[in-house]
Protein backbone atom coordinates (compact mmCIF):
# COMPACT_ATOMS: atom_id res chain seq x y z
CA UNK A 1 12.75 9.43 0.22
CA UNK A 2 9.34 10.32 1.45
CA UNK A 3 8.57 13.96 2.20
CA UNK A 4 5.37 14.85 4.03
CA UNK A 5 3.44 17.50 2.16
CA UNK A 6 2.94 19.78 5.17
CA UNK A 7 6.54 20.32 6.28
CA UNK A 8 7.55 23.85 7.17
CA UNK A 9 11.00 25.24 7.89
CA UNK A 10 11.32 28.49 9.84
CA UNK A 11 14.61 30.39 9.72
CA UNK A 12 15.92 33.65 11.17
CA UNK A 13 19.32 35.14 10.34
CA UNK A 14 20.90 38.31 11.71
CA UNK A 15 24.29 39.36 10.26
CA UNK A 16 25.50 42.73 11.56
CA UNK A 17 29.00 43.81 10.50
CA UNK A 18 31.34 46.79 10.92
CA UNK A 19 34.31 48.10 8.93
CA UNK A 20 36.83 50.74 10.01
CA UNK A 21 37.05 53.99 8.04
CA UNK A 22 40.44 52.91 6.66
CA UNK A 23 39.02 49.54 5.58
CA UNK A 24 41.77 47.64 7.41
CA UNK A 25 39.57 46.19 10.16
CA UNK A 26 36.32 44.31 9.70
CA UNK A 27 34.11 42.73 12.33
CA UNK A 28 31.26 40.43 11.43
CA UNK A 29 28.73 38.51 13.46
CA UNK A 30 25.93 36.15 12.65
CA UNK A 31 23.12 34.61 14.62
CA UNK A 32 21.02 31.98 12.89
CA UNK A 33 18.11 30.07 14.37
CA UNK A 34 15.89 27.61 12.59
CA UNK A 35 13.20 25.09 13.26
CA UNK A 36 12.54 22.14 11.00
CA UNK A 37 12.96 18.77 12.72
CA UNK A 38 13.97 20.50 15.98
CA UNK A 39 15.32 23.87 17.05
CA UNK A 40 18.86 24.72 15.88
CA UNK A 41 21.15 27.65 16.66
CA UNK A 42 24.50 28.89 15.37
CA UNK A 43 26.29 32.11 16.32
CA UNK A 44 29.70 33.44 15.37
CA UNK A 45 31.90 36.49 15.73
CA UNK A 46 34.79 37.14 13.41
CA UNK A 47 37.37 39.75 12.62
CA UNK A 48 39.65 40.46 9.68
CA UNK A 49 42.71 42.66 9.26
CA UNK A 50 44.02 43.74 5.85
CA UNK A 51 47.41 45.48 5.81
CA UNK A 52 48.08 45.14 2.08
CA UNK A 53 50.72 42.42 1.87
CA UNK A 54 49.46 40.74 5.05
CA UNK A 55 45.90 39.61 5.75
CA UNK A 56 44.49 37.75 8.72
CA UNK A 57 41.00 36.61 9.70
CA UNK A 58 39.66 34.79 12.76
CA UNK A 59 36.25 33.36 13.66
CA UNK A 60 34.75 31.79 16.78
CA UNK A 61 31.46 29.92 16.35
CA UNK A 62 29.09 28.15 18.73
CA UNK A 63 26.46 25.74 17.45
CA UNK A 64 23.62 23.62 18.81
CA UNK A 65 22.16 21.54 15.99
CA UNK A 66 20.73 18.19 17.07
CA UNK A 67 19.21 16.97 13.80
CA UNK A 68 21.06 16.41 10.51
CA UNK A 69 18.16 17.96 8.58
CA UNK A 70 18.61 21.18 10.61
CA UNK A 71 22.33 21.68 9.88
CA UNK A 72 23.46 25.26 9.25
CA UNK A 73 26.08 26.29 6.69
CA UNK A 74 28.61 29.13 6.80
CA UNK A 75 31.30 30.29 4.35
CA UNK A 76 34.86 30.55 5.72
CA UNK A 77 37.87 32.51 4.42
CA UNK A 78 40.44 30.32 2.68
CA UNK A 79 43.05 30.19 -0.07
CA UNK A 80 42.43 31.64 -3.51
CA UNK A 81 40.46 29.25 -5.69
CA UNK A 82 38.72 27.47 -2.80
CA UNK A 83 35.23 28.02 -1.42
CA UNK A 84 34.90 26.28 1.95
CA UNK A 85 31.39 26.03 3.36
CA UNK A 86 31.23 24.37 6.76
CA UNK A 87 28.11 22.50 7.85
CA UNK A 88 27.39 22.87 11.55
CA UNK A 89 25.87 19.77 13.11
CA UNK A 90 26.01 18.55 16.71
CA UNK A 91 26.81 20.73 19.70
CA UNK A 92 30.11 22.49 20.04
CA UNK A 93 32.48 25.25 19.00
CA UNK A 94 34.56 25.95 15.90
CA UNK A 95 37.55 28.26 15.56
CA UNK A 96 39.65 29.10 12.57
CA UNK A 97 42.41 31.53 11.76
CA UNK A 98 43.62 32.34 8.26
CA UNK A 99 46.83 34.17 7.30
CA UNK A 100 47.94 35.37 3.86
CA UNK A 101 51.23 37.01 2.95
CA UNK A 102 51.79 38.41 -0.56
CA UNK A 103 55.18 39.21 -2.02
CA UNK A 104 55.15 40.24 -5.67
CA UNK A 105 53.43 37.53 -7.71
CA UNK A 106 53.58 35.00 -4.86
CA UNK A 107 51.27 34.41 -1.93
CA UNK A 108 51.61 32.10 1.05
CA UNK A 109 48.46 31.04 2.91
CA UNK A 110 48.10 29.26 6.24
CA UNK A 111 44.78 28.12 7.67
CA UNK A 112 44.28 26.48 11.07
CA UNK A 113 40.86 25.25 12.19
CA UNK A 114 39.50 23.27 15.12
CA UNK A 115 36.03 21.88 15.75
CA UNK A 116 35.23 20.50 19.19
CA UNK A 117 31.78 18.97 19.43
CA UNK A 118 29.66 16.02 20.47
CA UNK A 119 30.59 14.20 17.23
CA UNK A 120 34.31 14.38 18.10
CA UNK A 121 37.20 16.76 17.60
CA UNK A 122 38.52 17.74 14.18
CA UNK A 123 41.76 19.66 13.63
CA UNK A 124 42.80 21.06 10.24
CA UNK A 125 46.03 22.59 8.95
CA UNK A 126 46.32 23.88 5.41
CA UNK A 127 49.09 25.73 3.60
CA UNK A 128 49.22 26.94 0.02
CA UNK A 129 51.93 28.66 -2.00
CA UNK A 130 50.57 30.31 -5.13
CA UNK A 131 52.24 32.12 -8.02
CA UNK A 132 50.43 34.48 -10.36
CA UNK A 133 51.44 34.87 -13.98
């Protein structure tokens, strides 16, 4: 691949967040804009609830990324032992909701996600039952 010597990538990221005094509720937001091949933008708002045995998180994201070289990445909550990082490319929205229930040494996770964008629609369902020893 050829790379011109005078390429410059400009990026701006704002990530304000809030947590309740009890620590049960968390709200997080992110706005990211960058310019490399063209202008790209991604914004999301998410919330999480932790009630001990039960946890839930939700995120709503909007993205406008026309060039593959300008894609924007974001970590998403998922099952223990996984590290999902979504790449945002195209124009559209992405939602996901994640539930976890713990009972003793066992945990049951459910993750539902949907991406609706110019590249097509993608729907995901994931469940995991884990046992700790």
